[in-house]
Amino acid sequence: HKTEQVWKSFGQLHVARQGWRIAPVSAKELDSFSRLRAAQEGWRVAPGS
């Protein structure tokens, strides 16, 4: 699940750059956000690993 880890790191990094506060309980929301953000950026999201 290397890709998932990358998505989480990307999401956290992006949120941190935006100056938003990251709550540990919103890990799922953060994951969804990172995927949504990537889709908006026009990046290809590969399912699975």
N, C-alpha and C. Protein backbone atom coordinates (compact mmCIF):
# COMPACT_ATOMS: atom_id res chain seq x y z
N HIS A 1 0.84 -1.21 0.00
CA HIS A 1 0.00 0.00 0.00
C HIS A 1 0.87 1.25 0.00
N LYS A 2 1.88 1.23 -0.81
CA LYS A 2 2.79 2.37 -0.87
C LYS A 2 2.07 3.60 -1.41
N THR A 3 1.22 3.39 -2.41
CA THR A 3 0.50 4.50 -3.03
C THR A 3 -0.37 5.21 -2.01
N GLU A 4 -1.04 4.43 -1.17
CA GLU A 4 -1.93 5.02 -0.18
C GLU A 4 -1.14 5.92 0.77
N GLN A 5 0.05 5.47 1.14
CA GLN A 5 0.91 6.25 2.02
C GLN A 5 1.30 7.56 1.35
N VAL A 6 1.59 7.46 0.05
CA VAL A 6 1.96 8.66 -0.71
C VAL A 6 0.80 9.64 -0.75
N TRP A 7 -0.40 9.11 -0.97
CA TRP A 7 -1.58 9.98 -1.03
C TRP A 7 -1.78 10.67 0.31
N LYS A 8 -1.59 9.94 1.40
CA LYS A 8 -1.76 10.53 2.72
C LYS A 8 -0.74 11.62 2.95
N SER A 9 0.51 11.33 2.57
CA SER A 9 1.58 12.31 2.74
C SER A 9 1.29 13.55 1.91
N PHE A 10 0.83 13.33 0.68
CA PHE A 10 0.51 14.43 -0.22
C PHE A 10 -0.61 15.28 0.36
N GLY A 11 -1.64 14.61 0.88
CA GLY A 11 -2.77 15.32 1.46
C GLY A 11 -2.34 16.15 2.65
N GLN A 12 -1.55 15.56 3.53
CA GLN A 12 -1.09 16.26 4.72
C GLN A 12 -0.21 17.43 4.35
N LEU A 13 0.67 17.22 3.38
CA LEU A 13 1.58 18.27 2.96
C LEU A 13 0.80 19.44 2.36
N HIS A 14 -0.16 19.13 1.50
CA HIS A 14 -0.96 20.16 0.85
C HIS A 14 -1.76 20.94 1.89
N VAL A 15 -2.38 20.21 2.81
CA VAL A 15 -3.17 20.85 3.86
C VAL A 15 -2.28 21.73 4.72
N ALA A 16 -1.08 21.25 5.01
CA ALA A 16 -0.15 22.01 5.84
C ALA A 16 0.25 23.30 5.13
N ARG A 17 0.47 23.21 3.82
CA ARG A 17 0.84 24.40 3.06
C ARG A 17 -0.29 25.41 3.03
N GLN A 18 -1.51 24.91 3.08
CA GLN A 18 -2.67 25.80 3.08
C GLN A 18 -2.86 26.43 4.45
N GLY A 19 -2.13 25.91 5.43
CA GLY A 19 -2.22 26.48 6.77
C GLY A 19 -3.43 25.96 7.52
N TRP A 20 -3.98 24.84 7.06
CA TRP A 20 -5.13 24.27 7.73
C TRP A 20 -4.67 23.40 8.88
N ARG A 21 -5.54 23.23 9.87
CA ARG A 21 -5.20 22.39 11.01
C ARG A 21 -5.62 20.95 10.71
N ILE A 22 -4.72 20.03 10.96
CA ILE A 22 -5.00 18.62 10.69
C ILE A 22 -5.37 17.89 11.98
N ALA A 23 -6.59 17.38 12.02
CA ALA A 23 -7.02 16.61 13.18
C ALA A 23 -6.79 15.13 12.90
N PRO A 24 -6.23 14.40 13.86
CA PRO A 24 -5.93 12.98 13.69
C PRO A 24 -7.16 12.17 13.30
N VAL A 25 -8.33 12.61 13.73
CA VAL A 25 -9.55 11.84 13.48
C VAL A 25 -10.03 12.00 12.05
N SER A 26 -9.50 12.98 11.34
CA SER A 26 -9.98 13.23 9.98
C SER A 26 -9.10 12.58 8.93
N ALA A 27 -8.50 11.45 9.29
CA ALA A 27 -7.61 10.76 8.35
C ALA A 27 -8.37 10.34 7.10
N LYS A 28 -9.60 9.87 7.29
CA LYS A 28 -10.40 9.44 6.14
C LYS A 28 -10.77 10.64 5.28
N GLU A 29 -11.14 11.73 5.91
CA GLU A 29 -11.50 12.93 5.16
C GLU A 29 -10.29 13.44 4.40
N LEU A 30 -9.14 13.36 5.03
CA LEU A 30 -7.90 13.83 4.41
C LEU A 30 -7.59 12.98 3.18
N ASP A 31 -7.81 11.68 3.30
CA ASP A 31 -7.56 10.78 2.18
C ASP A 31 -8.49 11.12 1.03
N SER A 32 -9.76 11.36 1.34
CA SER A 32 -10.72 11.72 0.31
C SER A 32 -10.34 13.05 -0.32
N PHE A 33 -9.90 13.97 0.50
CA PHE A 33 -9.51 15.29 0.02
C PHE A 33 -8.33 15.19 -0.94
N SER A 34 -7.35 14.38 -0.57
CA SER A 34 -6.16 14.24 -1.41
C SER A 34 -6.52 13.64 -2.76
N ARG A 35 -7.42 12.67 -2.75
CA ARG A 35 -7.85 12.04 -4.01
C ARG A 35 -8.64 13.04 -4.85
N LEU A 36 -9.51 13.80 -4.20
CA LEU A 36 -10.31 14.79 -4.91
C LEU A 36 -9.40 15.86 -5.50
N ARG A 37 -8.45 16.31 -4.70
CA ARG A 37 -7.51 17.34 -5.13
C ARG A 37 -6.72 16.86 -6.35
N ALA A 38 -6.25 15.62 -6.28
CA ALA A 38 -5.47 15.06 -7.38
C ALA A 38 -6.32 14.99 -8.65
N ALA A 39 -7.58 14.63 -8.48
CA ALA A 39 -8.49 14.55 -9.62
C ALA A 39 -8.67 15.94 -10.22
N GLN A 40 -8.79 16.95 -9.38
CA GLN A 40 -8.95 18.32 -9.85
C GLN A 40 -7.70 18.78 -10.59
N GLU A 41 -6.56 18.33 -10.13
CA GLU A 41 -5.30 18.71 -10.75
C GLU A 41 -5.12 18.01 -12.09
N GLY A 42 -5.98 17.01 -12.33
CA GLY A 42 -5.89 16.29 -13.60
C GLY A 42 -4.89 15.14 -13.54
N TRP A 43 -4.54 14.73 -12.31
CA TRP A 43 -3.61 13.62 -12.16
C TRP A 43 -4.40 12.32 -12.24
N ARG A 44 -3.72 11.27 -12.63
CA ARG A 44 -4.38 9.98 -12.71
C ARG A 44 -4.26 9.25 -11.37
N VAL A 45 -5.37 8.82 -10.85
CA VAL A 45 -5.37 8.10 -9.59
C VAL A 45 -5.44 6.61 -9.87
N ALA A 46 -4.38 5.90 -9.55
CA ALA A 46 -4.33 4.47 -9.80
C ALA A 46 -4.93 3.71 -8.62
N PRO A 47 -5.92 2.86 -8.89
CA PRO A 47 -6.53 2.06 -7.82
C PRO A 47 -5.57 1.00 -7.30
N GLY A 48 -5.64 0.72 -6.02
CA GLY A 48 -4.75 -0.28 -5.45
C GLY A 48 -3.33 0.23 -5.33
N SER A 49 -2.36 -0.68 -5.43
CA SER A 49 -0.96 -0.30 -5.26
C SER A 49 -0.42 0.29 -6.55
